Structure formats: C-alpha cells, structure tokens
Amino acid sequence: MPPADSQAPTPSWDDLRVFLAILREGTFAAAGRRIGVNATTAARRLASLEASVGAQLFSRTRDGLVPTAAAERMREPSELIERQVLRIQRRVAGGDAQLAGRVRLNSTESLAVSFLVERLAGFRREHPDIELELTTGDAMVDLTLGHADLVIRHRAPGTGPGVETLAHVDVVARRLGPIALAVFASEEYLRREGVPEDITDVRGHSAVLPEGNARYLPGSSWALEIAPQLRTSIRTDSVGTMHAACRAGFGLCMLPCFPAVYEAGVVRVSDVVDTRDTWLLMPGDLRRVARVRALWDYLLALFEEHGPVLAGEVAPPGGDARHT
C-alpha cells in the first residue's frame, strides 16, 4: 500500500519562488512586489505550497509572516533549486547575441550618484535598445540568486561575505582600480576660514562628520580621530549628503575623489588619505550575453579613462586648493 502522502502534488517552482520571496520580505505585499505578483496571488501560492508539503510554513503575526521550523528546513534546498533554475535561464540566454533587452547593474549609492549615472548616458546613446536597471546598496549582492547581472563593489573577491567567497560559484571579476579619499571643502568656506596646512592639525575648523553606517566607510577614521579638534557643523549617514553639506560651506569633509565632487566650488585640501579598490563582478553564465558584455566593456573603459582622477593622482583644473 503506498504511503498516505504519495498523491500529494510536487511543489512547483512558482510556489517555491513565492516562498523564498516571503522569507526575504516578510509580507505578502512586499513578496509580491519583489517577484511581480499581487498579494492575493502570493497568498494563494503559499497555500498551495503548504498543501503540497503538508506543513504550515509561516505564522501570521501583527508584524508580518514569521517562518516556522518547517520553513527554515526548506530554506536551503529551495535556494539550491532557485540557483539551478537561474542557471538554466542563463545558459539559454548565453547564446543571446542581441544588443537589446534589460541589463541590471548594482552599485554603491555614492558611486552611482556621483559618477555612473551621468556617464551611463553615453552607453544609452551607443545602445538605444538596451534598457538599464540601476539599483544601489552597500550589501554584497548574491549573483547566484539573479538579483543583478553586473555588480560594482569596493571589496576584492574572496575578502568578505558574499557569493564571491564560494569556490564552486562561477563569477567573473575584474579590478576597476582604486578610488581615493581626500579632504575637501568649499571655496566659500576656505575664503572664510583659510586652507589648513596640515589635516592632522585642524583646530578651529568646522567639519562634516560621518554618522551611522558612514562611520565605517574607508577614510572615516581621519574624521573620527581629529573630531575632538573640530567644531562639528553637521553629521550624516549618507555620502551624498556629506557632499551636499561640504558644497554648502559647512566645513571640511572626507569624500571620494569622484569628478562630480569637484563641481560647484568644492576643492581638495589634502593628499590622498585612504583608498578603496573597486571591482566589477558578473555571473560566469552571462559572459557571452551580448548586452551584458557590452555594459561590462563600457564600464572597464570608463574607469580606465577616469582612473587618474578617481585614484587621486590628478584633480580637474582648479580642483586643488593647495595648488592655486
């Protein structure tokens, strides 16, 4: 006699996809937005999966959906299935020679806002049939889960948490070069307070200081070490806001040497204080997809062209207060 559950339907990929989205987002609505279905469909898919496996997978609470022990046992095998499905999709796409379709690029927010967006317009002019999707964040993106086609990060492969530390994962990585950090100030502030001769002795100066997660960015140690000497004008957890505050004349500020930082009267007042390597990552399965490769090649050329400025070796004309 067959076991009682022999007629239970096999869980479908559509149901497992919803299950993983709920695990990651915590509500039907957020899970649905993540994978492009409405909350009602997400709830129906979960009910179908629970019927298939014969177990309740989430507890409904006022704070959202909390995974049960059964859900936690399903997490790892479901993610393995997800990776295999994405691998199949990429293998099929691997023969795609069309310079058309969507390419998803993930970058840190400061790099996207202060460097990439303006220059990606050139890529669009060269490839009008390629749609760009640009997302930002500092957390490592798991390329095996299909969240992005290309990722730019300030972390060498194998040196931190993330998919690139797994030996069995096929990830293509290229070093784009260093991005330097130095101390900047607005010309208006320097006219008022003077150019500091030594950035380790800035008594009496005001500064824009990092707060929250920004305290852990490369170069932030300078600001934290000399903070007792300073009159703090403003603290913020955003590199973009730090740049805006520097531009507005709040005081000295540690910033990456992006070309855009030098605009609107902001000039450099120090040597390079710190650097962070920049890496471009791509799932190996996408290396032969023409539209992805086109953006990959464009980014390599872009960073090579602007490498001396990004590395802090040179500044745009009039961008260094020490040489004016």
C-alpha atoms as a PDB file:
ATOM      1  CA  MET A   1       0.000   0.000   0.000  1.00  0.00           C
ATOM      2  CA  PRO A   2       1.502   3.359  -0.976  1.00  0.00           C
ATOM      3  CA  PRO A   3       2.135   5.900   1.760  1.00  0.00           C
ATOM      4  CA  ALA A   4      -0.685   8.294   2.552  1.00  0.00           C
ATOM      5  CA  ASP A   5       1.100  11.287   1.016  1.00  0.00           C
ATOM      6  CA  SER A   6       2.045   9.601  -2.264  1.00  0.00           C
ATOM      7  CA  GLN A   7      -0.651  11.531  -4.112  1.00  0.00           C
ATOM      8  CA  ALA A   8       0.414  14.921  -2.746  1.00  0.00           C
ATOM      9  CA  PRO A   9       1.347  17.256  -5.597  1.00  0.00           C
ATOM     10  CA  THR A  10       5.016  18.054  -6.120  1.00  0.00           C
ATOM     11  CA  PRO A  11       5.827  21.646  -5.111  1.00  0.00           C
ATOM     12  CA  SER A  12       6.034  23.852  -8.187  1.00  0.00           C
ATOM     13  CA  TRP A  13       8.790  26.359  -8.876  1.00  0.00           C
ATOM     14  CA  ASP A  14       6.198  29.156  -8.921  1.00  0.00           C
ATOM     15  CA  ASP A  15       5.183  28.212  -5.369  1.00  0.00           C
ATOM     16  CA  LEU A  16       8.785  27.920  -4.169  1.00  0.00           C
ATOM     17  CA  ARG A  17       9.600  31.284  -5.739  1.00  0.00           C
ATOM     18  CA  VAL A  18       6.844  32.912  -3.698  1.00  0.00           C
ATOM     19  CA  PHE A  19       8.002  31.035  -0.589  1.00  0.00           C
ATOM     20  CA  LEU A  20      11.529  32.440  -0.934  1.00  0.00           C
ATOM     21  CA  ALA A  21      10.218  35.950  -1.548  1.00  0.00           C
ATOM     22  CA  ILE A  22       8.120  35.776   1.638  1.00  0.00           C
ATOM     23  CA  LEU A  23      11.139  34.529   3.592  1.00  0.00           C
ATOM     24  CA  ARG A  24      13.116  37.547   2.399  1.00  0.00           C
ATOM     25  CA  GLU A  25      10.421  40.221   2.639  1.00  0.00           C
ATOM     26  CA  GLY A  26       8.137  39.130   5.483  1.00  0.00           C
ATOM     27  CA  THR A  27       4.751  40.100   3.993  1.00  0.00           C
ATOM     28  CA  PHE A  28       2.589  39.013   1.072  1.00  0.00           C
ATOM     29  CA  ALA A  29       2.568  42.532  -0.371  1.00  0.00           C
ATOM     30  CA  ALA A  30       6.351  43.007  -0.256  1.00  0.00           C
ATOM     31  CA  ALA A  31       6.994  39.491  -1.547  1.00  0.00           C
ATOM     32  CA  GLY A  32       4.594  40.096  -4.421  1.00  0.00           C
ATOM     33  CA  ARG A  33       6.328  43.341  -5.373  1.00  0.00           C
ATOM     34  CA  ARG A  34       9.674  41.553  -5.343  1.00  0.00           C
ATOM     35  CA  ILE A  35       8.622  38.954  -7.908  1.00  0.00           C
ATOM     36  CA  GLY A  36       5.924  40.870  -9.797  1.00  0.00           C
ATOM     37  CA  VAL A  37       2.657  39.382  -8.496  1.00  0.00           C
ATOM     38  CA  ASN A  38      -0.063  40.802  -6.270  1.00  0.00           C
ATOM     39  CA  ALA A  39      -0.512  39.930  -2.592  1.00  0.00           C
ATOM     40  CA  THR A  40      -3.534  37.725  -3.287  1.00  0.00           C
ATOM     41  CA  THR A  41      -1.563  35.593  -5.735  1.00  0.00           C
ATOM     42  CA  ALA A  42       1.320  35.330  -3.262  1.00  0.00           C
ATOM     43  CA  ALA A  43      -1.064  34.131  -0.536  1.00  0.00           C
ATOM     44  CA  ARG A  44      -2.633  31.593  -2.888  1.00  0.00           C
ATOM     45  CA  ARG A  45       0.759  30.256  -3.938  1.00  0.00           C
ATOM     46  CA  LEU A  46       1.819  29.858  -0.314  1.00  0.00           C
ATOM     47  CA  ALA A  47      -1.388  27.964   0.480  1.00  0.00           C
ATOM     48  CA  SER A  48      -0.684  25.668  -2.472  1.00  0.00           C
ATOM     49  CA  LEU A  49       2.850  25.005  -1.237  1.00  0.00           C
ATOM     50  CA  GLU A  50       1.701  24.336   2.324  1.00  0.00           C
ATOM     51  CA  ALA A  51      -0.781  21.797   0.948  1.00  0.00           C
ATOM     52  CA  SER A  52       1.987  20.164  -1.093  1.00  0.00           C
ATOM     53  CA  VAL A  53       4.386  19.756   1.821  1.00  0.00           C
ATOM     54  CA  GLY A  54       1.718  19.120   4.449  1.00  0.00           C
ATOM     55  CA  ALA A  55       3.007  21.723   6.883  1.00  0.00           C
ATOM     56  CA  GLN A  56       2.384  25.309   7.926  1.00  0.00           C
ATOM     57  CA  LEU A  57       5.310  27.385   6.745  1.00  0.00           C
ATOM     58  CA  PHE A  58       4.579  30.786   8.283  1.00  0.00           C
ATOM     59  CA  SER A  59       2.873  32.092  11.398  1.00  0.00           C
ATOM     60  CA  ARG A  60       0.720  35.161  10.824  1.00  0.00           C
ATOM     61  CA  THR A  61       1.551  37.937  13.294  1.00  0.00           C
ATOM     62  CA  ARG A  62       0.879  41.657  13.536  1.00  0.00           C
ATOM     63  CA  ASP A  63       4.467  42.259  12.424  1.00  0.00           C
ATOM     64  CA  GLY A  64       4.201  40.054   9.337  1.00  0.00           C
ATOM     65  CA  LEU A  65       4.829  36.447   8.394  1.00  0.00           C
ATOM     66  CA  VAL A  66       7.246  34.562  10.647  1.00  0.00           C
ATOM     67  CA  PRO A  67       8.807  31.353   9.250  1.00  0.00           C
ATOM     68  CA  THR A  68       8.117  28.140  11.139  1.00  0.00           C
ATOM     69  CA  ALA A  69      10.665  25.399  11.768  1.00  0.00           C
ATOM     70  CA  ALA A  70       9.378  23.643   8.645  1.00  0.00           C
ATOM     71  CA  ALA A  71      10.060  26.763   6.574  1.00  0.00           C
ATOM     72  CA  GLU A  72      13.594  27.008   7.902  1.00  0.00           C
ATOM     73  CA  ARG A  73      14.209  23.378   6.929  1.00  0.00           C
ATOM     74  CA  MET A  74      13.005  24.203   3.419  1.00  0.00           C
ATOM     75  CA  ARG A  75      15.129  27.330   3.012  1.00  0.00           C
ATOM     76  CA  GLU A  76      18.417  25.793   1.860  1.00  0.00           C
ATOM     77  CA  PRO A  77      17.013  23.209  -0.596  1.00  0.00           C
ATOM     78  CA  SER A  78      14.665  25.857  -2.037  1.00  0.00           C
ATOM     79  CA  GLU A  79      17.586  28.219  -2.620  1.00  0.00           C
ATOM     80  CA  LEU A  80      19.504  25.409  -4.326  1.00  0.00           C
ATOM     81  CA  ILE A  81      16.550  24.898  -6.680  1.00  0.00           C
ATOM     82  CA  GLU A  82      16.438  28.661  -7.279  1.00  0.00           C
ATOM     83  CA  ARG A  83      20.095  28.708  -8.277  1.00  0.00           C
ATOM     84  CA  GLN A  84      19.600  25.826 -10.686  1.00  0.00           C
ATOM     85  CA  VAL A  85      16.579  27.482 -12.324  1.00  0.00           C
ATOM     86  CA  LEU A  86      18.560  30.696 -12.768  1.00  0.00           C
ATOM     87  CA  ARG A  87      21.484  28.720 -14.142  1.00  0.00           C
ATOM     88  CA  ILE A  88      19.204  27.155 -16.764  1.00  0.00           C
ATOM     89  CA  GLN A  89      17.852  30.587 -17.701  1.00  0.00           C
ATOM     90  CA  ARG A  90      21.361  31.986 -18.024  1.00  0.00           C
ATOM     91  CA  ARG A  91      22.577  29.046 -20.090  1.00  0.00           C
ATOM     92  CA  VAL A  92      19.715  29.651 -22.503  1.00  0.00           C
ATOM     93  CA  ALA A  93      20.449  33.386 -22.509  1.00  0.00           C
ATOM     94  CA  GLY A  94      24.136  32.612 -23.017  1.00  0.00           C
ATOM     95  CA  GLY A  95      23.540  32.317 -26.734  1.00  0.00           C
ATOM     96  CA  ASP A  96      21.801  35.702 -26.892  1.00  0.00           C
ATOM     97  CA  ALA A  97      23.743  37.802 -29.394  1.00  0.00           C
ATOM     98  CA  GLN A  98      21.193  40.639 -29.481  1.00  0.00           C
ATOM     99  CA  LEU A  99      22.250  44.072 -28.232  1.00  0.00           C
ATOM    100  CA  ALA A 100      18.767  44.565 -26.828  1.00  0.00           C
ATOM    101  CA  GLY A 101      16.892  43.894 -23.616  1.00  0.00           C
ATOM    102  CA  ARG A 102      17.477  44.727 -19.970  1.00  0.00           C
ATOM    103  CA  VAL A 103      20.802  44.762 -18.114  1.00  0.00           C
ATOM    104  CA  ARG A 104      20.731  45.094 -14.326  1.00  0.00           C
ATOM    105  CA  LEU A 105      23.640  46.908 -12.686  1.00  0.00           C
ATOM    106  CA  ASN A 106      24.033  47.189  -8.913  1.00  0.00           C
ATOM    107  CA  SER A 107      26.425  49.737  -7.416  1.00  0.00           C
ATOM    108  CA  THR A 108      27.030  51.618  -4.206  1.00  0.00           C
ATOM    109  CA  GLU A 109      24.831  54.698  -3.984  1.00  0.00           C
ATOM    110  CA  SER A 110      27.665  57.223  -3.839  1.00  0.00           C
ATOM    111  CA  LEU A 111      29.332  55.770  -6.936  1.00  0.00           C
ATOM    112  CA  ALA A 112      26.035  55.681  -8.821  1.00  0.00           C
ATOM    113  CA  VAL A 113      25.026  59.252  -7.971  1.00  0.00           C
ATOM    114  CA  SER A 114      28.413  60.954  -8.216  1.00  0.00           C
ATOM    115  CA  PHE A 115      29.960  59.077 -11.128  1.00  0.00           C
ATOM    116  CA  LEU A 116      27.951  56.458 -13.000  1.00  0.00           C
ATOM    117  CA  VAL A 117      24.568  57.965 -13.876  1.00  0.00           C
ATOM    118  CA  GLU A 118      25.900  60.905 -15.870  1.00  0.00           C
ATOM    119  CA  ARG A 119      28.307  58.697 -17.797  1.00  0.00           C
ATOM    120  CA  LEU A 120      25.882  55.856 -18.469  1.00  0.00           C
ATOM    121  CA  ALA A 121      24.026  58.249 -20.754  1.00  0.00           C
ATOM    122  CA  GLY A 122      26.822  57.620 -23.261  1.00  0.00           C
ATOM    123  CA  PHE A 123      26.146  53.882 -23.123  1.00  0.00           C
ATOM    124  CA  ARG A 124      22.466  54.510 -23.849  1.00  0.00           C
ATOM    125  CA  ARG A 125      23.353  56.598 -26.879  1.00  0.00           C
ATOM    126  CA  GLU A 126      25.561  53.784 -28.182  1.00  0.00           C
ATOM    127  CA  HIS A 127      22.988  51.065 -27.414  1.00  0.00           C
ATOM    128  CA  PRO A 128      19.480  52.578 -27.561  1.00  0.00           C
ATOM    129  CA  ASP A 129      17.814  49.144 -27.484  1.00  0.00           C
ATOM    130  CA  ILE A 130      19.388  48.153 -24.171  1.00  0.00           C
ATOM    131  CA  GLU A 131      17.375  49.098 -21.086  1.00  0.00           C
ATOM    132  CA  LEU A 132      19.436  49.808 -17.973  1.00  0.00           C
ATOM    133  CA  GLU A 133      18.242  48.955 -14.484  1.00  0.00           C
ATOM    134  CA  LEU A 134      20.452  50.600 -11.850  1.00  0.00           C
ATOM    135  CA  THR A 135      19.985  49.651  -8.199  1.00  0.00           C
ATOM    136  CA  THR A 136      22.117  50.757  -5.269  1.00  0.00           C
ATOM    137  CA  GLY A 137      23.223  49.403  -1.928  1.00  0.00           C
ATOM    138  CA  ASP A 138      26.325  48.593   0.071  1.00  0.00           C
ATOM    139  CA  ALA A 139      25.470  44.982   0.960  1.00  0.00           C
ATOM    140  CA  MET A 140      27.011  42.244  -1.178  1.00  0.00           C
ATOM    141  CA  VAL A 141      24.581  41.008  -3.829  1.00  0.00           C
ATOM    142  CA  ASP A 142      24.310  37.230  -4.280  1.00  0.00           C
ATOM    143  CA  LEU A 143      24.824  36.875  -8.025  1.00  0.00           C
ATOM    144  CA  THR A 144      23.652  33.257  -7.940  1.00  0.00           C
ATOM    145  CA  LEU A 145      20.166  34.442  -6.945  1.00  0.00           C
ATOM    146  CA  GLY A 146      19.759  36.549 -10.077  1.00  0.00           C
ATOM    147  CA  HIS A 147      19.447  39.900  -8.320  1.00  0.00           C
ATOM    148  CA  ALA A 148      21.822  41.627 -10.755  1.00  0.00           C
ATOM    149  CA  ASP A 149      23.757  40.979 -13.954  1.00  0.00           C
ATOM    150  CA  LEU A 150      26.711  43.184 -13.000  1.00  0.00           C
ATOM    151  CA  VAL A 151      27.813  44.368  -9.564  1.00  0.00           C
ATOM    152  CA  ILE A 152      30.328  47.060  -8.611  1.00  0.00           C
ATOM    153  CA  ARG A 153      31.721  46.836  -5.090  1.00  0.00           C
ATOM    154  CA  HIS A 154      34.633  48.162  -3.032  1.00  0.00           C
ATOM    155  CA  ARG A 155      35.635  44.676  -1.979  1.00  0.00           C
ATOM    156  CA  ALA A 156      38.009  42.198  -3.556  1.00  0.00           C
ATOM    157  CA  PRO A 157      36.568  38.779  -4.398  1.00  0.00           C
ATOM    158  CA  GLY A 158      37.130  36.372  -1.534  1.00  0.00           C
ATOM    159  CA  THR A 159      37.754  39.030   1.150  1.00  0.00           C
ATOM    160  CA  GLY A 160      34.309  39.326   2.687  1.00  0.00           C
ATOM    161  CA  PRO A 161      30.844  37.827   2.996  1.00  0.00           C
ATOM    162  CA  GLY A 162      29.072  37.149  -0.264  1.00  0.00           C
ATOM    163  CA  VAL A 163      28.819  34.780  -3.160  1.00  0.00           C
ATOM    164  CA  GLU A 164      32.300  35.550  -4.466  1.00  0.00           C
ATOM    165  CA  THR A 165      33.792  33.738  -1.450  1.00  0.00           C
ATOM    166  CA  LEU A 166      32.313  30.406  -2.590  1.00  0.00           C
ATOM    167  CA  ALA A 167      34.789  28.384  -4.613  1.00  0.00           C
ATOM    168  CA  HIS A 168      32.122  26.481  -6.537  1.00  0.00           C
ATOM    169  CA  VAL A 169      30.418  29.624  -7.864  1.00  0.00           C
ATOM    170  CA  ASP A 170      31.371  30.811 -11.360  1.00  0.00           C
ATOM    171  CA  VAL A 171      31.864  34.568 -11.017  1.00  0.00           C
ATOM    172  CA  VAL A 172      33.953  36.721 -13.351  1.00  0.00           C
ATOM    173  CA  ALA A 173      35.746  39.548 -11.520  1.00  0.00           C
ATOM    174  CA  ARG A 174      37.809  42.475 -12.806  1.00  0.00           C
ATOM    175  CA  ARG A 175      39.541  45.122 -10.746  1.00  0.00           C
ATOM    176  CA  LEU A 176      38.436  48.568 -11.914  1.00  0.00           C
ATOM    177  CA  GLY A 177      41.098  50.385  -9.913  1.00  0.00           C
ATOM    178  CA  PRO A 178      41.350  52.420  -6.730  1.00  0.00           C
ATOM    179  CA  ILE A 179      39.061  55.217  -5.655  1.00  0.00           C
ATOM    180  CA  ALA A 180      40.905  57.649  -3.415  1.00  0.00           C
ATOM    181  CA  LEU A 181      39.503  59.583  -0.486  1.00  0.00           C
ATOM    182  CA  ALA A 182      40.745  63.025   0.466  1.00  0.00           C
ATOM    183  CA  VAL A 183      39.654  66.056   2.460  1.00  0.00           C
ATOM    184  CA  PHE A 184      37.565  68.623   0.594  1.00  0.00           C
ATOM    185  CA  ALA A 185      35.964  71.978   1.363  1.00  0.00           C
ATOM    186  CA  SER A 186      34.023  74.632  -0.482  1.00  0.00           C
ATOM    187  CA  GLU A 187      35.863  77.659  -1.822  1.00  0.00           C
ATOM    188  CA  GLU A 188      33.488  79.852   0.185  1.00  0.00           C
ATOM    189  CA  TYR A 189      34.428  78.057   3.415  1.00  0.00           C
ATOM    190  CA  LEU A 190      38.157  78.346   2.671  1.00  0.00           C
ATOM    191  CA  ARG A 191      37.871  82.080   1.982  1.00  0.00           C
ATOM    192  CA  ARG A 192      36.236  82.424   5.380  1.00  0.00           C
ATOM    193  CA  GLU A 193      38.373  80.030   7.442  1.00  0.00           C
ATOM    194  CA  GLY A 194      41.566  79.524   5.433  1.00  0.00           C
ATOM    195  CA  VAL A 195      43.185  76.431   3.926  1.00  0.00           C
ATOM    196  CA  PRO A 196      44.506  74.028   6.590  1.00  0.00           C
ATOM    197  CA  GLU A 197      48.249  73.466   6.216  1.00  0.00           C
ATOM    198  CA  ASP A 198      48.097  70.050   7.880  1.00  0.00           C
ATOM    199  CA  ILE A 199      44.937  67.946   8.011  1.00  0.00           C
ATOM    200  CA  THR A 200      46.125  66.350  11.251  1.00  0.00           C
ATOM    201  CA  ASP A 201      46.057  69.788  12.883  1.00  0.00           C
ATOM    202  CA  VAL A 202      42.730  71.420  12.080  1.00  0.00           C
ATOM    203  CA  ARG A 203      41.954  73.125  15.367  1.00  0.00           C
ATOM    204  CA  GLY A 204      39.291  75.759  14.972  1.00  0.00           C
ATOM    205  CA  HIS A 205      37.924  74.348  11.721  1.00  0.00           C
ATOM    206  CA  SER A 206      34.402  73.070  11.199  1.00  0.00           C
ATOM    207  CA  ALA A 207      33.683  69.704   9.618  1.00  0.00           C
ATOM    208  CA  VAL A 208      31.055  67.460   8.111  1.00  0.00           C
ATOM    209  CA  LEU A 209      31.351  64.191  10.034  1.00  0.00           C
ATOM    210  CA  PRO A 210      30.076  60.691   9.247  1.00  0.00           C
ATOM    211  CA  GLU A 211      27.326  59.153  11.347  1.00  0.00           C
ATOM    212  CA  GLY A 212      25.710  55.708  11.420  1.00  0.00           C
ATOM    213  CA  ASN A 213      26.922  53.336   8.709  1.00  0.00           C
ATOM    214  CA  ALA A 214      29.028  56.099   7.153  1.00  0.00           C
ATOM    215  CA  ARG A 215      31.371  55.837  10.157  1.00  0.00           C
ATOM    216  CA  TYR A 216      32.622  52.530   8.747  1.00  0.00           C
ATOM    217  CA  LEU A 217      33.475  53.806   5.266  1.00  0.00           C
ATOM    218  CA  PRO A 218      37.145  53.920   4.215  1.00  0.00           C
ATOM    219  CA  GLY A 219      38.695  57.227   5.220  1.00  0.00           C
ATOM    220  CA  SER A 220      36.245  57.859   8.038  1.00  0.00           C
ATOM    221  CA  SER A 221      38.972  57.123  10.593  1.00  0.00           C
ATOM    222  CA  TRP A 222      40.510  60.528   9.795  1.00  0.00           C
ATOM    223  CA  ALA A 223      37.307  62.331  10.691  1.00  0.00           C
ATOM    224  CA  LEU A 224      36.815  60.323  13.869  1.00  0.00           C
ATOM    225  CA  GLU A 225      40.427  60.774  15.015  1.00  0.00           C
ATOM    226  CA  ILE A 226      40.521  64.536  14.574  1.00  0.00           C
ATOM    227  CA  ALA A 227      36.912  65.128  15.659  1.00  0.00           C
ATOM    228  CA  PRO A 228      37.937  66.470  19.106  1.00  0.00           C
ATOM    229  CA  GLN A 229      39.779  69.329  17.369  1.00  0.00           C
ATOM    230  CA  LEU A 230      36.774  70.322  15.276  1.00  0.00           C
ATOM    231  CA  ARG A 231      33.658  72.364  15.566  1.00  0.00           C
ATOM    232  CA  THR A 232      31.191  69.842  14.192  1.00  0.00           C
ATOM    233  CA  SER A 233      28.777  71.558  11.824  1.00  0.00           C
ATOM    234  CA  ILE A 234      26.702  68.563  10.802  1.00  0.00           C
ATOM    235  CA  ARG A 235      26.703  64.753  10.970  1.00  0.00           C
ATOM    236  CA  THR A 236      25.094  62.484   8.393  1.00  0.00           C
ATOM    237  CA  ASP A 237      24.990  58.813   7.393  1.00  0.00           C
ATOM    238  CA  SER A 238      24.972  59.495   3.635  1.00  0.00           C
ATOM    239  CA  VAL A 239      27.978  60.211   1.421  1.00  0.00           C
ATOM    240  CA  GLY A 240      25.706  62.173  -0.911  1.00  0.00           C
ATOM    241  CA  THR A 241      24.516  64.355   1.950  1.00  0.00           C
ATOM    242  CA  MET A 242      28.093  64.828   3.142  1.00  0.00           C
ATOM    243  CA  HIS A 243      28.984  66.144  -0.316  1.00  0.00           C
ATOM    244  CA  ALA A 244      25.980  68.482  -0.321  1.00  0.00           C
ATOM    245  CA  ALA A 245      26.908  69.809   3.126  1.00  0.00           C
ATOM    246  CA  CYS A 246      30.511  70.338   2.023  1.00  0.00           C
ATOM    247  CA  ARG A 247      29.291  72.191  -1.067  1.00  0.00           C
ATOM    248  CA  ALA A 248      27.086  74.384   1.135  1.00  0.00           C
ATOM    249  CA  GLY A 249      30.090  75.502   3.200  1.00  0.00           C
ATOM    250  CA  PHE A 250      29.582  73.503   6.400  1.00  0.00           C
ATOM    251  CA  GLY A 251      33.287  72.708   6.644  1.00  0.00           C
ATOM    252  CA  LEU A 252      35.991  70.155   5.882  1.00  0.00           C
ATOM    253  CA  CYS A 253      34.792  66.785   4.646  1.00  0.00           C
ATOM    254  CA  MET A 254      36.328  63.428   3.707  1.00  0.00           C
ATOM    255  CA  LEU A 255      34.982  62.427   0.276  1.00  0.00           C
ATOM    256  CA  PRO A 256      35.790  60.045  -2.593  1.00  0.00           C
ATOM    257  CA  CYS A 257      37.661  61.680  -5.477  1.00  0.00           C
ATOM    258  CA  PHE A 258      34.766  61.447  -7.932  1.00  0.00           C
ATOM    259  CA  PRO A 259      34.886  64.037 -10.727  1.00  0.00           C
ATOM    260  CA  ALA A 260      31.482  65.364  -9.606  1.00  0.00           C
ATOM    261  CA  VAL A 261      32.815  66.117  -6.112  1.00  0.00           C
ATOM    262  CA  TYR A 262      34.972  68.906  -7.552  1.00  0.00           C
ATOM    263  CA  GLU A 263      31.986  70.709  -9.055  1.00  0.00           C
ATOM    264  CA  ALA A 264      30.104  73.712  -7.645  1.00  0.00           C
ATOM    265  CA  GLY A 265      33.102  75.252  -5.928  1.00  0.00           C
ATOM    266  CA  VAL A 266      34.321  72.220  -3.943  1.00  0.00           C
ATOM    267  CA  VAL A 267      38.116  71.795  -3.896  1.00  0.00           C
ATOM    268  CA  ARG A 268      40.571  69.341  -2.425  1.00  0.00           C
ATOM    269  CA  VAL A 269      42.731  70.397   0.528  1.00  0.00           C
ATOM    270  CA  SER A 270      44.753  67.239   1.293  1.00  0.00           C
ATOM    271  CA  ASP A 271      46.777  64.408  -0.141  1.00  0.00           C
ATOM    272  CA  VAL A 272      45.076  61.033  -0.513  1.00  0.00           C
ATOM    273  CA  VAL A 273      44.111  59.839   2.965  1.00  0.00           C
ATOM    274  CA  ASP A 274      42.798  56.392   2.053  1.00  0.00           C
ATOM    275  CA  THR A 275      41.869  54.306  -0.987  1.00  0.00           C
ATOM    276  CA  ARG A 276      39.394  51.566  -1.702  1.00  0.00           C
ATOM    277  CA  ASP A 277      39.687  49.095  -4.535  1.00  0.00           C
ATOM    278  CA  THR A 278      36.753  48.835  -6.900  1.00  0.00           C
ATOM    279  CA  TRP A 279      35.672  45.573  -8.528  1.00  0.00           C
ATOM    280  CA  LEU A 280      33.270  44.616 -11.298  1.00  0.00           C
ATOM    281  CA  LEU A 281      31.568  41.218 -10.909  1.00  0.00           C
ATOM    282  CA  MET A 282      29.439  39.156 -13.290  1.00  0.00           C
ATOM    283  CA  PRO A 283      27.962  35.628 -13.170  1.00  0.00           C
ATOM    284  CA  GLY A 284      30.053  33.429 -15.447  1.00  0.00           C
ATOM    285  CA  ASP A 285      26.938  32.213 -17.238  1.00  0.00           C
ATOM    286  CA  LEU A 286      26.387  35.743 -18.624  1.00  0.00           C
ATOM    287  CA  ARG A 287      29.836  36.325 -20.088  1.00  0.00           C
ATOM    288  CA  ARG A 288      28.580  35.555 -23.607  1.00  0.00           C
ATOM    289  CA  VAL A 289      25.330  37.540 -23.400  1.00  0.00           C
ATOM    290  CA  ALA A 290      25.966  40.448 -25.767  1.00  0.00           C
ATOM    291  CA  ARG A 291      24.011  43.140 -23.930  1.00  0.00           C
ATOM    292  CA  VAL A 292      25.682  42.303 -20.588  1.00  0.00           C
ATOM    293  CA  ARG A 293      29.108  42.109 -22.168  1.00  0.00           C
ATOM    294  CA  ALA A 294      28.550  45.484 -23.839  1.00  0.00           C
ATOM    295  CA  LEU A 295      27.970  47.180 -20.486  1.00  0.00           C
ATOM    296  CA  TRP A 296      30.873  45.257 -18.927  1.00  0.00           C
ATOM    297  CA  ASP A 297      33.257  46.538 -21.623  1.00  0.00           C
ATOM    298  CA  TYR A 298      31.861  50.070 -21.363  1.00  0.00           C
ATOM    299  CA  LEU A 299      32.441  50.160 -17.596  1.00  0.00           C
ATOM    300  CA  LEU A 300      36.008  48.880 -17.942  1.00  0.00           C
ATOM    301  CA  ALA A 301      36.780  51.637 -20.463  1.00  0.00           C
ATOM    302  CA  LEU A 302      35.020  54.249 -18.319  1.00  0.00           C
ATOM    303  CA  PHE A 303      37.068  53.506 -15.217  1.00  0.00           C
ATOM    304  CA  GLU A 304      40.275  53.378 -17.246  1.00  0.00           C
ATOM    305  CA  GLU A 305      39.532  56.798 -18.762  1.00  0.00           C
ATOM    306  CA  HIS A 306      38.836  58.437 -15.399  1.00  0.00           C
ATOM    307  CA  GLY A 307      41.348  56.354 -13.427  1.00  0.00           C
ATOM    308  CA  PRO A 308      43.860  59.147 -12.631  1.00  0.00           C
ATOM    309  CA  VAL A 309      41.153  61.399 -11.143  1.00  0.00           C
ATOM    310  CA  LEU A 310      39.473  58.555  -9.244  1.00  0.00           C
ATOM    311  CA  ALA A 311      42.836  57.449  -7.828  1.00  0.00           C
ATOM    312  CA  GLY A 312      43.559  60.978  -6.621  1.00  0.00           C
ATOM    313  CA  GLU A 313      46.630  61.289  -8.839  1.00  0.00           C
ATOM    314  CA  VAL A 314      45.305  64.437 -10.513  1.00  0.00           C
ATOM    315  CA  ALA A 315      42.474  66.877  -9.922  1.00  0.00           C
ATOM    316  CA  PRO A 316      40.401  68.717 -12.513  1.00  0.00           C
ATOM    317  CA  PRO A 317      41.671  72.241 -13.318  1.00  0.00           C
ATOM    318  CA  GLY A 318      41.171  74.461 -10.283  1.00  0.00           C
ATOM    319  CA  GLY A 319      40.131  71.500  -8.136  1.00  0.00           C
ATOM    320  CA  ASP A 320      43.065  71.511  -5.696  1.00  0.00           C
ATOM    321  CA  ALA A 321      43.251  74.387  -3.216  1.00  0.00           C
ATOM    322  CA  ARG A 322      46.881  73.558  -2.417  1.00  0.00           C
ATOM    323  CA  HIS A 323      47.969  74.408  -5.970  1.00  0.00           C
ATOM    324  CA  THR A 324      46.087  77.639  -6.583  1.00  0.00           C
END
